[in-house]
Amino acid sequence: MKYTILLVSLLAISLAFGQNADDQIKSLKSQIDNLNSQLDRVRKSNDDILWYQRMGDIAWVDKVTITGPAEKSDKNPTAQGANNPLVFRSYVFFPRNLDVSKKYPLLVYVHGGVHGDVESSSAHIIRELIVQGYVVAAPDYRGSTGYGRDFYEAIDYGDKEVVDVNKTRDYLVENYSFVDKDRVGILGWSHGGMITLLDIFANPDEYKVAYAGVPVSDLVARMGYKTEGYRDLFAADYHIGKSAYENVQEYRRRSPVWNVQKLKTPLLIHTNTNDEDVNVLEVEQLIRALKAENKKFEYQIYENIEGGHIFDRIDTKIGKEIRLKVYKFLNQYLSPGRPFQSVQELERTSYYFQK
């Protein structure tokens, strides 16, 4: 806020000296964006410390550097290194009592949010997975916050960011002998749920099971019920680049609901009727489309569960009960060594109760 006030003051001074208002506004907006990017880096660094603090008793925590596809070819195609793969970071979590002579199932955890990132606020979920005997990978794919403005603007919504997530799966399988390539699952909520769906559609033989919670499902419908400011974000030059009105086919291509014919992976979908972010109509449309294609999958539409968009990720009693259902679904395909049998086991893990 203080930076905004400062820059508005500078704008007033500039105008007083007769400088072009449009140029000044553009320059000051760029300065604000750069300041916000710097603050995001600081927040990210602080949050990384919290990951070690919140996970260190049960897990080895690392942050690896890997690569995904090159950025959009039209960004600066003649620049030095323009076609180099994009470098990104991924968190990896290994059970502290891991035995390298054994094989462990892998779960790829996909963070949500357009320009979100892997935050320690989800540590309770990662703890719950680790204690059951999973190796967990959580990529900060292109467009994630905390890595500077260039990385933020490298977003390729519903396209190359999905490839980054799959590259994370490949990295774990290829580099750790104790990861069982035949027991890999993927899960995510919201935007992470959308990426989960698009990943299993594109790579059906690489995942044994998937969970998509309150997934963004239909970008065309989403542009219809969201605000103009939200639509403008997608139409930005560094984003999709055009509005849904200007290129509806591109929005369909990046939407799970228009790709359901590709489903082969066992899948569980959850949604909530009072979701204030992903309107239930998107997920209902996804469910109808899957049924129309005669796909086998499981789903549940929850009625007005407290918490709205994050109803099964928070600390309520019903939130824990629903997470246990998710884990039991995943576990039947991935067979972790110590699967939860009760909410009480889940609570002892994620809330530091008596072991």
Protein backbone atom coordinates (compact mmCIF):
# COMPACT_ATOMS: atom_id res chain seq x y z
CA MET A 1 0.00 0.00 0.00
CA LYS A 2 2.77 2.45 0.93
CA TYR A 3 4.46 1.80 -2.43
CA THR A 4 1.22 2.59 -4.25
CA ILE A 5 0.85 5.89 -2.39
CA LEU A 6 4.45 6.77 -3.17
CA LEU A 7 4.06 6.04 -6.86
CA VAL A 8 0.79 7.97 -7.10
CA SER A 9 2.60 10.92 -5.55
CA LEU A 10 5.38 10.60 -8.12
CA LEU A 11 2.78 10.51 -10.88
CA ALA A 12 1.29 13.77 -9.63
CA ILE A 13 4.73 15.40 -9.63
CA SER A 14 5.45 14.13 -13.13
CA LEU A 15 2.17 15.50 -14.43
CA ALA A 16 2.90 18.85 -12.81
CA PHE A 17 6.03 19.06 -14.96
CA GLY A 18 4.05 18.28 -18.10
CA GLN A 19 5.17 14.68 -18.71
CA ASN A 20 2.87 12.42 -20.74
CA ALA A 21 0.25 10.89 -18.43
CA ASP A 22 -0.13 7.58 -20.31
CA ASP A 23 3.63 6.99 -20.34
CA GLN A 24 3.90 7.83 -16.66
CA ILE A 25 1.04 5.53 -15.71
CA LYS A 26 2.59 2.69 -17.70
CA SER A 27 6.00 3.28 -16.09
CA LEU A 28 4.59 3.48 -12.57
CA LYS A 29 2.50 0.34 -13.07
CA SER A 30 5.66 -1.49 -14.12
CA GLN A 31 7.41 -0.26 -10.96
CA ILE A 32 4.53 -1.48 -8.80
CA ASP A 33 4.63 -4.89 -10.51
CA ASN A 34 8.38 -5.12 -9.89
CA LEU A 35 7.96 -4.19 -6.23
CA ASN A 36 5.22 -6.79 -5.81
CA SER A 37 7.49 -9.37 -7.44
CA GLN A 38 10.29 -8.56 -5.00
CA LEU A 39 7.92 -8.87 -2.05
CA ASP A 40 6.76 -12.25 -3.39
CA ARG A 41 10.38 -13.44 -3.43
CA VAL A 42 10.79 -12.45 0.22
CA ARG A 43 7.56 -14.18 1.18
CA LYS A 44 8.62 -17.31 -0.70
CA SER A 45 11.99 -17.44 1.04
CA ASN A 46 10.33 -17.12 4.44
CA ASP A 47 7.79 -19.79 3.58
CA ASP A 48 10.54 -22.21 2.55
CA ILE A 49 11.89 -22.03 6.10
CA LEU A 50 8.45 -22.93 7.41
CA TRP A 51 8.39 -26.05 5.21
CA TYR A 52 11.49 -27.38 6.95
CA GLN A 53 10.10 -26.50 10.36
CA ARG A 54 6.71 -28.09 9.78
CA MET A 55 7.95 -31.25 8.03
CA GLY A 56 11.38 -31.92 9.52
CA ASP A 57 10.24 -34.37 12.18
CA ILE A 58 8.84 -36.86 9.65
CA ALA A 59 10.34 -36.01 6.26
CA TRP A 60 13.48 -35.13 4.36
CA VAL A 61 12.64 -31.94 2.49
CA ASP A 62 14.47 -30.78 -0.63
CA LYS A 63 13.87 -28.33 -3.44
CA VAL A 64 15.22 -29.53 -6.77
CA THR A 65 15.83 -27.63 -10.00
CA ILE A 66 14.52 -29.26 -13.17
CA THR A 67 13.42 -28.22 -16.66
CA GLY A 68 10.26 -28.06 -18.73
CA PRO A 69 9.60 -27.02 -22.33
CA ALA A 70 10.96 -23.75 -23.67
CA GLU A 71 8.84 -20.65 -23.21
CA LYS A 72 6.39 -19.44 -25.81
CA SER A 73 8.25 -19.12 -29.10
CA ASP A 74 6.83 -15.68 -29.83
CA LYS A 75 8.23 -14.06 -26.68
CA ASN A 76 11.69 -13.32 -28.08
CA PRO A 77 12.51 -16.07 -30.60
CA THR A 78 15.88 -14.65 -31.70
CA ALA A 79 17.34 -13.96 -28.25
CA GLN A 80 20.35 -15.90 -27.00
CA GLY A 81 19.12 -19.10 -25.37
CA ALA A 82 15.55 -18.43 -26.52
CA ASN A 83 14.87 -22.12 -27.16
CA ASN A 84 16.40 -23.38 -23.93
CA PRO A 85 14.11 -25.41 -21.66
CA LEU A 86 12.46 -23.42 -18.88
CA VAL A 87 14.07 -23.98 -15.47
CA PHE A 88 11.71 -24.39 -12.51
CA ARG A 89 11.78 -25.68 -8.93
CA SER A 90 9.98 -28.56 -7.30
CA TYR A 91 9.67 -29.55 -3.65
CA VAL A 92 10.32 -33.20 -2.87
CA PHE A 93 9.42 -34.88 0.40
CA PHE A 94 10.74 -38.28 1.48
CA PRO A 95 9.68 -40.20 4.59
CA ARG A 96 12.42 -39.77 7.18
CA ASN A 97 12.46 -43.53 7.86
CA LEU A 98 12.73 -44.35 4.13
CA ASP A 99 14.51 -47.61 3.25
CA VAL A 100 16.27 -47.17 -0.12
CA SER A 101 16.18 -50.94 -0.71
CA LYS A 102 12.37 -50.80 -0.96
CA LYS A 103 9.92 -49.29 -3.43
CA TYR A 104 7.59 -46.42 -2.49
CA PRO A 105 4.53 -44.99 -4.23
CA LEU A 106 4.75 -41.42 -5.50
CA LEU A 107 2.08 -38.74 -5.34
CA VAL A 108 2.44 -35.57 -7.39
CA TYR A 109 0.76 -32.73 -5.50
CA VAL A 110 -0.30 -29.89 -7.83
CA HIS A 111 -0.77 -26.51 -6.18
CA GLY A 112 -3.76 -24.37 -7.07
CA GLY A 113 -4.22 -20.74 -8.01
CA VAL A 114 -3.53 -18.89 -11.22
CA HIS A 115 -0.02 -17.71 -10.29
CA GLY A 116 -0.17 -19.58 -6.97
CA ASP A 117 2.69 -21.57 -5.46
CA VAL A 118 3.41 -24.45 -3.09
CA GLU A 119 2.71 -22.91 0.33
CA SER A 120 3.41 -24.32 3.79
CA SER A 121 -0.27 -23.79 4.61
CA SER A 122 -0.75 -27.17 2.93
CA ALA A 123 1.85 -28.86 5.14
CA HIS A 124 -0.84 -30.80 7.01
CA ILE A 125 -1.84 -32.52 3.75
CA ILE A 126 1.76 -33.36 2.83
CA ARG A 127 2.29 -34.71 6.36
CA GLU A 128 -0.75 -36.94 6.00
CA LEU A 129 0.64 -38.38 2.77
CA ILE A 130 4.20 -38.85 4.06
CA VAL A 131 3.14 -40.75 7.18
CA GLN A 132 1.13 -43.17 5.07
CA GLY A 133 4.31 -44.07 3.20
CA TYR A 134 4.26 -41.85 0.12
CA VAL A 135 7.05 -39.94 -1.56
CA VAL A 136 5.57 -36.56 -2.53
CA ALA A 137 6.62 -34.11 -5.25
CA ALA A 138 5.12 -30.62 -5.45
CA PRO A 139 6.23 -28.51 -8.43
CA ASP A 140 6.23 -24.73 -8.63
CA TYR A 141 5.50 -24.91 -12.35
CA ARG A 142 5.80 -21.93 -14.74
CA GLY A 143 3.74 -18.94 -13.72
CA SER A 144 4.09 -19.63 -9.99
CA THR A 145 4.76 -16.68 -7.70
CA GLY A 146 7.95 -16.15 -5.73
CA TYR A 147 10.46 -16.52 -8.56
CA GLY A 148 10.43 -13.11 -10.20
CA ARG A 149 8.41 -11.34 -12.82
CA ASP A 150 9.83 -13.20 -15.84
CA PHE A 151 8.87 -16.58 -14.38
CA TYR A 152 5.45 -15.23 -13.40
CA GLU A 153 4.85 -14.12 -16.98
CA ALA A 154 6.07 -17.44 -18.40
CA ILE A 155 2.65 -18.91 -17.54
CA ASP A 156 1.10 -21.12 -20.20
CA TYR A 157 -2.27 -21.83 -18.64
CA GLY A 158 -3.53 -25.36 -19.23
CA ASP A 159 -0.69 -26.14 -21.62
CA LYS A 160 3.05 -26.10 -20.83
CA GLU A 161 2.40 -25.77 -17.10
CA VAL A 162 0.82 -29.23 -17.38
CA VAL A 163 4.00 -30.50 -19.04
CA ASP A 164 6.06 -29.06 -16.16
CA VAL A 165 4.00 -31.10 -13.70
CA ASN A 166 4.48 -34.26 -15.73
CA LYS A 167 8.21 -33.53 -15.99
CA THR A 168 8.28 -33.51 -12.20
CA ARG A 169 6.79 -37.00 -12.20
CA ASP A 170 9.44 -38.11 -14.71
CA TYR A 171 12.25 -36.59 -12.63
CA LEU A 172 11.29 -38.54 -9.52
CA VAL A 173 10.89 -41.82 -11.39
CA GLU A 174 14.18 -41.43 -13.26
CA ASN A 175 16.36 -40.20 -10.38
CA TYR A 176 15.29 -42.16 -7.31
CA SER A 177 15.52 -45.94 -7.44
CA PHE A 178 13.14 -46.31 -4.49
CA VAL A 179 10.26 -44.62 -6.36
CA ASP A 180 7.96 -47.21 -7.92
CA LYS A 181 7.15 -46.10 -11.47
CA ASP A 182 4.13 -48.39 -11.45
CA ARG A 183 2.62 -46.70 -8.38
CA VAL A 184 2.35 -43.02 -9.27
CA GLY A 185 -0.71 -40.90 -8.54
CA ILE A 186 -1.58 -37.23 -8.85
CA LEU A 187 -3.88 -34.91 -6.92
CA GLY A 188 -4.77 -31.24 -6.84
CA TRP A 189 -7.49 -28.77 -5.99
CA SER A 190 -8.96 -25.89 -8.02
CA HIS A 191 -6.43 -24.87 -10.71
CA GLY A 192 -4.36 -27.81 -9.44
CA GLY A 193 -7.38 -30.03 -10.05
CA MET A 194 -7.59 -28.74 -13.61
CA ILE A 195 -3.91 -29.52 -14.22
CA THR A 196 -4.43 -32.95 -12.66
CA LEU A 197 -7.19 -33.69 -15.17
CA LEU A 198 -5.27 -32.39 -18.17
CA ASP A 199 -2.16 -34.34 -17.10
CA ILE A 200 -3.94 -37.69 -16.87
CA PHE A 201 -5.74 -36.98 -20.15
CA ALA A 202 -2.40 -36.33 -21.88
CA ASN A 203 -0.43 -39.09 -20.09
CA PRO A 204 -2.90 -41.87 -19.26
CA ASP A 205 -0.27 -44.60 -18.88
CA GLU A 206 1.87 -42.70 -16.37
CA TYR A 207 -0.60 -42.40 -13.48
CA LYS A 208 -2.39 -45.19 -11.65
CA VAL A 209 -4.97 -42.90 -10.03
CA ALA A 210 -5.99 -39.24 -9.73
CA TYR A 211 -8.00 -36.97 -7.46
CA ALA A 212 -9.39 -33.63 -8.68
CA GLY A 213 -10.92 -31.43 -5.98
CA VAL A 214 -13.18 -28.53 -7.02
CA PRO A 215 -11.42 -28.50 -10.41
CA VAL A 216 -11.59 -25.61 -12.84
CA SER A 217 -13.29 -27.49 -15.66
CA ASP A 218 -14.68 -25.20 -18.35
CA LEU A 219 -12.84 -21.99 -19.19
CA VAL A 220 -15.55 -20.86 -21.60
CA ALA A 221 -18.21 -21.02 -18.89
CA ARG A 222 -15.77 -19.56 -16.36
CA MET A 223 -15.17 -16.47 -18.47
CA GLY A 224 -18.93 -16.00 -18.55
CA TYR A 225 -19.50 -15.81 -14.79
CA LYS A 226 -16.24 -14.18 -13.67
CA THR A 227 -15.52 -10.45 -13.55
CA GLU A 228 -14.05 -8.33 -16.32
CA GLY A 229 -10.81 -8.01 -14.36
CA TYR A 230 -10.48 -11.79 -14.20
CA ARG A 231 -11.11 -12.09 -17.93
CA ASP A 232 -8.52 -9.39 -18.61
CA LEU A 233 -5.89 -11.48 -16.80
CA PHE A 234 -6.34 -14.31 -19.30
CA ALA A 235 -6.37 -11.97 -22.29
CA ALA A 236 -3.03 -10.38 -21.29
CA ASP A 237 -0.22 -10.67 -23.86
CA TYR A 238 1.87 -12.94 -21.61
CA HIS A 239 -1.13 -15.16 -20.81
CA ILE A 240 -3.51 -16.76 -23.34
CA GLY A 241 -3.31 -13.47 -25.23
CA LYS A 242 -6.91 -13.23 -26.41
CA SER A 243 -10.31 -13.21 -24.77
CA ALA A 244 -12.68 -16.15 -25.04
CA TYR A 245 -14.79 -13.98 -27.36
CA GLU A 246 -11.78 -13.58 -29.68
CA ASN A 247 -10.65 -17.21 -29.61
CA VAL A 248 -13.17 -19.54 -28.02
CA GLN A 249 -11.49 -22.64 -29.49
CA GLU A 250 -8.29 -21.92 -27.58
CA TYR A 251 -10.23 -21.73 -24.31
CA ARG A 252 -11.95 -25.01 -25.14
CA ARG A 253 -8.59 -26.66 -25.89
CA ARG A 254 -7.35 -25.77 -22.40
CA SER A 255 -10.52 -26.96 -20.62
CA PRO A 256 -10.88 -30.46 -19.12
CA VAL A 257 -14.57 -30.66 -20.02
CA TRP A 258 -13.66 -30.63 -23.72
CA ASN A 259 -11.05 -33.39 -23.31
CA VAL A 260 -12.96 -36.02 -21.31
CA GLN A 261 -12.85 -38.58 -24.12
CA LYS A 262 -9.17 -39.12 -23.22
CA LEU A 263 -9.80 -40.40 -19.68
CA LYS A 264 -8.34 -43.82 -18.88
CA THR A 265 -7.03 -43.27 -15.32
CA PRO A 266 -9.13 -44.12 -12.25
CA LEU A 267 -10.46 -40.76 -11.08
CA LEU A 268 -12.28 -39.24 -8.10
CA ILE A 269 -13.87 -35.79 -8.36
CA HIS A 270 -15.26 -33.70 -5.49
CA THR A 271 -17.12 -30.40 -5.62
CA ASN A 272 -19.19 -28.25 -3.26
CA THR A 273 -22.41 -26.41 -4.10
CA ASN A 274 -21.41 -23.26 -2.17
CA ASP A 275 -17.95 -22.96 -3.75
CA GLU A 276 -17.29 -19.23 -4.11
CA ASP A 277 -14.45 -19.70 -6.63
CA VAL A 278 -15.17 -22.63 -8.94
CA ASN A 279 -18.92 -22.51 -9.48
CA VAL A 280 -20.42 -25.96 -9.13
CA LEU A 281 -21.86 -25.63 -12.65
CA GLU A 282 -18.34 -26.16 -14.07
CA VAL A 283 -17.85 -29.45 -12.29
CA GLU A 284 -21.40 -30.60 -12.97
CA GLN A 285 -20.72 -30.03 -16.66
CA LEU A 286 -17.51 -32.08 -16.35
CA ILE A 287 -19.40 -34.93 -14.69
CA ARG A 288 -22.09 -34.89 -17.38
CA ALA A 289 -19.46 -34.93 -20.12
CA LEU A 290 -17.65 -37.91 -18.57
CA LYS A 291 -20.92 -39.79 -18.26
CA ALA A 292 -21.79 -38.99 -21.86
CA GLU A 293 -18.50 -40.61 -22.90
CA ASN A 294 -19.32 -43.67 -20.73
CA LYS A 295 -16.18 -43.14 -18.65
CA LYS A 296 -15.70 -44.95 -15.36
CA PHE A 297 -14.98 -42.56 -12.52
CA GLU A 298 -16.21 -41.65 -9.05
CA TYR A 299 -17.54 -38.33 -7.83
CA GLN A 300 -19.44 -36.60 -5.07
CA ILE A 301 -21.22 -33.25 -5.08
CA TYR A 302 -21.26 -31.99 -1.50
CA GLU A 303 -24.12 -29.74 -0.41
CA ASN A 304 -23.15 -26.45 1.22
CA ILE A 305 -20.23 -27.77 3.24
CA GLU A 306 -18.64 -25.10 5.43
CA GLY A 307 -15.45 -23.76 3.95
CA GLY A 308 -16.77 -23.33 0.42
CA HIS A 309 -13.90 -23.65 -2.04
CA ILE A 310 -11.51 -25.13 0.54
CA PHE A 311 -14.07 -27.32 2.33
CA ASP A 312 -11.96 -30.51 2.41
CA ARG A 313 -8.57 -28.87 2.95
CA ILE A 314 -9.27 -27.16 6.27
CA ASP A 315 -9.31 -28.29 9.89
CA THR A 316 -13.01 -28.96 10.36
CA LYS A 317 -14.23 -32.39 11.39
CA ILE A 318 -15.98 -32.95 8.08
CA GLY A 319 -12.95 -31.66 6.17
CA LYS A 320 -10.80 -34.36 7.77
CA GLU A 321 -13.43 -37.02 7.11
CA ILE A 322 -13.57 -36.11 3.42
CA ARG A 323 -9.76 -36.13 3.13
CA LEU A 324 -9.76 -39.62 4.61
CA LYS A 325 -12.15 -40.69 1.83
CA VAL A 326 -9.76 -39.20 -0.74
CA TYR A 327 -6.80 -41.07 0.76
CA LYS A 328 -8.69 -44.36 0.83
CA PHE A 329 -9.50 -43.93 -2.86
CA LEU A 330 -5.86 -43.25 -3.72
CA ASN A 331 -4.55 -46.00 -1.44
CA GLN A 332 -6.48 -48.78 -3.13
CA TYR A 333 -4.46 -48.15 -6.31
CA LEU A 334 -1.10 -47.14 -4.81
CA SER A 335 -0.84 -49.38 -1.73
CA PRO A 336 1.23 -47.22 0.64
CA GLY A 337 2.86 -49.00 3.57
CA ARG A 338 0.81 -47.45 6.39
CA PRO A 339 -2.60 -46.36 5.05
CA PHE A 340 -4.92 -44.47 7.41
CA GLN A 341 -7.87 -46.38 8.78
CA SER A 342 -9.46 -43.57 10.78
CA VAL A 343 -9.69 -39.83 11.22
CA GLN A 344 -7.89 -40.25 14.54
CA GLU A 345 -4.80 -41.56 12.72
CA LEU A 346 -4.99 -38.61 10.35
CA GLU A 347 -5.21 -36.16 13.26
CA ARG A 348 -2.22 -37.61 15.06
CA THR A 349 -0.18 -37.06 11.92
CA SER A 350 -1.18 -33.60 10.79
CA TYR A 351 -1.85 -31.91 14.10
CA TYR A 352 1.17 -33.11 16.12
CA PHE A 353 -0.90 -35.10 18.61
CA GLN A 354 0.53 -38.09 20.45
CA LYS A 355 2.29 -40.38 18.00
